[in-house]
Amino acid sequence: MNYRLLLADDDPALRAVLRELCEPFFEILEADNGDTAFELATAELPDLALCDLHMPGRSGLEALAALKELDLRRPAILMTSDPTRELERQIRQAHIDTLLTKPFSRSKLLGTFACAIEDAFHDESLRQRLLSM
């Protein structure tokens, strides 16, 4: 099964790299700003969401919080290069599952996705597919 991944970042080069890494495993929904990420999260209900914190319009935190309000089970991963204690508090308050600190490796990213899918959907097949690559 291919899960639907919301991928939101205002950096087109990073989105392109992330898309290339993720396309073999996910159907990709892309957003280049927080407002579009928010709209996609609420309209398309992706199975998993990865959003950058700092984007035009709504922040990635706000977009992911909206997704969690609709369904707490859906994994939400926030990425940033500048984590703070205050951000960690906000993440817990919004029920965001994971904070991914940039830069991160391919294996860290895909491992984070596999853990999130296993936890949310009790599905180990994604991890098995990743390990076979």
Protein backbone atom coordinates (compact mmCIF):
# COMPACT_ATOMS: atom_id res chain seq x y z
CA MET A 1 0.00 0.00 0.00
CA ASN A 2 1.27 3.47 -0.85
CA TYR A 3 0.45 5.99 1.84
CA ARG A 4 -0.32 9.62 1.04
CA LEU A 5 2.37 12.03 2.26
CA LEU A 6 1.87 15.77 2.59
CA LEU A 7 5.25 17.34 1.92
CA ALA A 8 5.39 21.06 2.73
CA ASP A 9 8.42 23.32 2.44
CA ASP A 10 8.92 26.70 0.80
CA ASP A 11 12.34 25.67 -0.58
CA PRO A 12 11.73 24.15 -4.04
CA ALA A 13 15.16 22.48 -4.12
CA LEU A 14 14.57 20.70 -0.81
CA ARG A 15 11.06 19.68 -1.89
CA ALA A 16 12.51 18.19 -5.08
CA VAL A 17 15.07 16.14 -3.11
CA LEU A 18 12.44 15.00 -0.62
CA ARG A 19 10.01 14.13 -3.42
CA GLU A 20 12.67 12.00 -5.15
CA LEU A 21 13.42 10.16 -1.90
CA CYS A 22 9.76 9.60 -1.04
CA GLU A 23 8.05 8.89 -4.37
CA PRO A 24 8.90 5.17 -4.41
CA PHE A 25 7.03 4.75 -1.12
CA PHE A 26 4.34 7.45 -1.02
CA GLU A 27 1.78 9.28 -3.09
CA ILE A 28 3.00 12.88 -2.69
CA LEU A 29 0.87 15.94 -1.96
CA GLU A 30 3.05 19.05 -2.16
CA ALA A 31 2.73 22.51 -0.68
CA ASP A 32 5.09 25.46 -0.95
CA ASN A 33 3.55 27.50 1.86
CA GLY A 34 1.71 27.04 5.12
CA ASP A 35 -1.69 28.04 3.79
CA THR A 36 -1.60 25.44 1.02
CA ALA A 37 -0.33 22.84 3.50
CA PHE A 38 -3.24 23.68 5.80
CA GLU A 39 -5.74 23.38 2.92
CA LEU A 40 -4.28 20.05 1.74
CA ALA A 41 -4.16 18.69 5.29
CA THR A 42 -7.82 19.44 5.90
CA ALA A 43 -9.16 18.60 2.42
CA GLU A 44 -7.06 15.60 1.40
CA LEU A 45 -6.42 14.02 4.82
CA PRO A 46 -2.97 12.61 4.06
CA ASP A 47 -1.84 9.53 5.97
CA LEU A 48 1.38 11.26 7.01
CA ALA A 49 2.58 14.86 6.92
CA LEU A 50 6.05 16.41 6.89
CA CYS A 51 6.08 20.19 7.16
CA ASP A 52 8.82 22.75 7.57
CA LEU A 53 8.28 25.09 10.50
CA HIS A 54 9.03 28.37 8.74
CA MET A 55 6.94 28.98 5.62
CA PRO A 56 4.93 31.88 4.23
CA GLY A 57 1.38 32.06 5.55
CA ARG A 58 0.59 29.58 8.29
CA SER A 59 3.54 27.87 9.90
CA GLY A 60 4.14 24.17 9.51
CA LEU A 61 3.20 23.82 13.17
CA GLU A 62 -0.22 25.38 12.49
CA ALA A 63 -0.82 23.18 9.44
CA LEU A 64 0.10 20.02 11.34
CA ALA A 65 -1.99 21.05 14.34
CA ALA A 66 -5.00 21.28 11.99
CA LEU A 67 -4.34 17.77 10.70
CA LYS A 68 -4.08 16.44 14.26
CA GLU A 69 -7.38 18.13 15.17
CA LEU A 70 -9.06 16.13 12.41
CA ASP A 71 -7.46 12.82 13.35
CA LEU A 72 -4.92 12.37 16.14
CA ARG A 73 -3.86 9.04 14.63
CA ARG A 74 -2.38 10.64 11.51
CA PRO A 75 1.37 11.09 11.98
CA ALA A 76 2.65 14.66 11.84
CA ILE A 77 6.35 15.44 11.55
CA LEU A 78 7.71 18.97 11.87
CA MET A 79 11.14 19.79 10.48
CA THR A 80 13.29 22.75 11.40
CA SER A 81 16.91 23.78 11.60
CA ASP A 82 16.36 25.76 14.79
CA PRO A 83 14.67 23.69 17.52
CA THR A 84 14.02 25.43 20.84
CA ARG A 85 12.51 24.44 24.18
CA GLU A 86 9.51 26.65 23.41
CA LEU A 87 9.01 24.89 20.07
CA GLU A 88 9.21 21.50 21.79
CA ARG A 89 6.51 22.64 24.22
CA GLN A 90 4.30 23.82 21.33
CA ILE A 91 4.82 20.52 19.52
CA ARG A 92 3.69 18.52 22.55
CA GLN A 93 0.69 20.81 22.99
CA ALA A 94 -0.33 20.33 19.33
CA HIS A 95 0.20 16.53 19.52
CA ILE A 96 2.84 16.63 16.76
CA ASP A 97 4.53 13.23 16.69
CA THR A 98 8.12 14.03 15.78
CA LEU A 99 10.52 16.94 15.47
CA LEU A 100 13.05 16.29 12.72
CA THR A 101 16.08 18.57 12.95
CA LYS A 102 17.71 19.68 9.70
CA PRO A 103 20.01 18.59 8.27
CA PHE A 104 19.00 14.95 8.39
CA SER A 105 20.11 11.88 6.46
CA ARG A 106 18.05 9.84 4.03
CA SER A 107 18.05 6.94 6.48
CA LYS A 108 16.89 9.19 9.36
CA LEU A 109 14.04 10.57 7.25
CA LEU A 110 12.83 7.22 5.94
CA GLY A 111 13.28 5.57 9.35
CA THR A 112 11.16 8.31 10.92
CA PHE A 113 8.45 7.70 8.33
CA ALA A 114 8.56 3.93 8.88
CA CYS A 115 8.22 4.33 12.66
CA ALA A 116 5.34 6.77 12.24
CA ILE A 117 3.46 4.44 9.88
CA GLU A 118 4.05 1.44 12.15
CA ASP A 119 2.80 3.34 15.20
CA ALA A 120 -0.25 4.85 13.49
CA PHE A 121 -1.39 2.03 11.23
CA HIS A 122 0.30 -1.06 12.75
CA ASP A 123 1.89 -1.68 9.36
CA GLU A 124 5.45 -2.96 9.16
CA SER A 125 5.46 -3.29 5.38
CA LEU A 126 6.95 0.17 4.75
CA ARG A 127 9.99 -0.61 6.91
CA GLN A 128 10.39 -3.94 5.08
CA ARG A 129 10.24 -2.15 1.71
CA LEU A 130 12.79 0.41 2.89
CA LEU A 131 15.17 -2.29 4.12
CA SER A 132 14.97 -4.09 0.77
CA MET A 133 16.27 -1.00 -1.06
